[in-house]
Amino acid sequence: MFAAMLPLLLAQHGNTIWYVLPLAAAISLVYSASRYELTERIVRRASRLFCMIVGFMGAVLIVLWGLSATI
């Protein structure tokens, strides 16, 4: 029953996947700022962590998409 309602729910709420990017940026900045004091190092580590978070979530998305396509 939930699978039949899923397209309707997605159509009502739009594409909320884009909220992941600012959320990942905020998480990486706060985490890096709590670990380091130099601004240059904070920005460098935050950008690296942001790429790692987005890359990991992209990998999970591809794996789940592949699994759902084969079923």
C-alpha atoms as a PDB file:
ATOM      1  CA  MET A   1       0.000   0.000   0.000  1.00  0.00           C
ATOM      2  CA  PHE A   2       2.837   2.372   0.837  1.00  0.00           C
ATOM      3  CA  ALA A   3       4.498   1.710  -2.528  1.00  0.00           C
ATOM      4  CA  ALA A   4       1.342   2.840  -4.303  1.00  0.00           C
ATOM      5  CA  MET A   5       1.295   6.112  -2.325  1.00  0.00           C
ATOM      6  CA  LEU A   6       4.996   6.877  -2.725  1.00  0.00           C
ATOM      7  CA  PRO A   7       4.764   8.741  -6.086  1.00  0.00           C
ATOM      8  CA  LEU A   8       1.948  10.870  -4.690  1.00  0.00           C
ATOM      9  CA  LEU A   9       3.953  11.741  -1.588  1.00  0.00           C
ATOM     10  CA  LEU A  10       7.013  12.649  -3.641  1.00  0.00           C
ATOM     11  CA  ALA A  11       4.960  14.826  -5.980  1.00  0.00           C
ATOM     12  CA  GLN A  12       3.486  16.791  -3.086  1.00  0.00           C
ATOM     13  CA  HIS A  13       6.762  17.512  -1.346  1.00  0.00           C
ATOM     14  CA  GLY A  14       8.960  18.172  -4.363  1.00  0.00           C
ATOM     15  CA  ASN A  15      12.511  16.997  -4.582  1.00  0.00           C
ATOM     16  CA  THR A  16      13.765  17.228  -1.002  1.00  0.00           C
ATOM     17  CA  ILE A  17      17.089  15.574  -1.832  1.00  0.00           C
ATOM     18  CA  TRP A  18      18.571  19.048  -2.384  1.00  0.00           C
ATOM     19  CA  TYR A  19      18.311  19.737   1.357  1.00  0.00           C
ATOM     20  CA  VAL A  20      21.153  17.263   1.819  1.00  0.00           C
ATOM     21  CA  LEU A  21      23.780  19.612   0.372  1.00  0.00           C
ATOM     22  CA  PRO A  22      23.352  22.542   2.809  1.00  0.00           C
ATOM     23  CA  LEU A  23      22.876  20.100   5.670  1.00  0.00           C
ATOM     24  CA  ALA A  24      26.142  18.315   4.841  1.00  0.00           C
ATOM     25  CA  ALA A  25      27.912  21.670   4.520  1.00  0.00           C
ATOM     26  CA  ALA A  26      26.632  22.832   7.906  1.00  0.00           C
ATOM     27  CA  ILE A  27      27.567  19.553   9.595  1.00  0.00           C
ATOM     28  CA  SER A  28      31.070  19.578   8.147  1.00  0.00           C
ATOM     29  CA  LEU A  29      31.654  23.230   9.086  1.00  0.00           C
ATOM     30  CA  VAL A  30      30.456  22.810  12.675  1.00  0.00           C
ATOM     31  CA  TYR A  31      32.409  19.588  13.145  1.00  0.00           C
ATOM     32  CA  SER A  32      35.593  21.092  11.705  1.00  0.00           C
ATOM     33  CA  ALA A  33      35.214  24.303  13.698  1.00  0.00           C
ATOM     34  CA  SER A  34      34.919  22.302  16.893  1.00  0.00           C
ATOM     35  CA  ARG A  35      38.146  20.446  16.117  1.00  0.00           C
ATOM     36  CA  TYR A  36      40.444  23.162  14.742  1.00  0.00           C
ATOM     37  CA  GLU A  37      41.116  26.837  15.446  1.00  0.00           C
ATOM     38  CA  LEU A  38      42.757  28.156  12.266  1.00  0.00           C
ATOM     39  CA  THR A  39      40.233  29.392   9.706  1.00  0.00           C
ATOM     40  CA  GLU A  40      42.235  28.063   6.786  1.00  0.00           C
ATOM     41  CA  ARG A  41      42.397  24.603   8.302  1.00  0.00           C
ATOM     42  CA  ILE A  42      38.693  24.652   9.205  1.00  0.00           C
ATOM     43  CA  VAL A  43      37.686  25.456   5.627  1.00  0.00           C
ATOM     44  CA  ARG A  44      40.067  22.868   4.164  1.00  0.00           C
ATOM     45  CA  ARG A  45      38.908  20.089   6.487  1.00  0.00           C
ATOM     46  CA  ALA A  46      35.244  21.079   6.140  1.00  0.00           C
ATOM     47  CA  SER A  47      35.404  20.915   2.355  1.00  0.00           C
ATOM     48  CA  ARG A  48      37.107  17.519   2.552  1.00  0.00           C
ATOM     49  CA  LEU A  49      34.493  16.216   4.993  1.00  0.00           C
ATOM     50  CA  PHE A  50      31.694  17.640   2.827  1.00  0.00           C
ATOM     51  CA  CYS A  51      33.026  15.740  -0.182  1.00  0.00           C
ATOM     52  CA  MET A  52      33.294  12.560   1.878  1.00  0.00           C
ATOM     53  CA  ILE A  53      29.714  12.871   3.153  1.00  0.00           C
ATOM     54  CA  VAL A  54      28.263  13.605  -0.283  1.00  0.00           C
ATOM     55  CA  GLY A  55      30.370  10.867  -1.869  1.00  0.00           C
ATOM     56  CA  PHE A  56      29.274   8.281   0.676  1.00  0.00           C
ATOM     57  CA  MET A  57      25.624   9.228   0.293  1.00  0.00           C
ATOM     58  CA  GLY A  58      25.992   9.098  -3.490  1.00  0.00           C
ATOM     59  CA  ALA A  59      27.524   5.620  -3.254  1.00  0.00           C
ATOM     60  CA  VAL A  60      24.661   4.442  -1.062  1.00  0.00           C
ATOM     61  CA  LEU A  61      22.179   5.963  -3.516  1.00  0.00           C
ATOM     62  CA  ILE A  62      23.768   4.103  -6.436  1.00  0.00           C
ATOM     63  CA  VAL A  63      23.804   0.796  -4.530  1.00  0.00           C
ATOM     64  CA  LEU A  64      20.152   1.163  -3.503  1.00  0.00           C
ATOM     65  CA  TRP A  65      19.150   2.240  -6.997  1.00  0.00           C
ATOM     66  CA  GLY A  66      20.946  -0.775  -8.449  1.00  0.00           C
ATOM     67  CA  LEU A  67      19.268  -3.112  -6.004  1.00  0.00           C
ATOM     68  CA  SER A  68      15.827  -1.690  -6.711  1.00  0.00           C
ATOM     69  CA  ALA A  69      16.379  -1.899 -10.476  1.00  0.00           C
ATOM     70  CA  THR A  70      17.227  -5.605 -10.317  1.00  0.00           C
ATOM     71  CA  ILE A  71      14.151  -6.557  -8.293  1.00  0.00           C
END
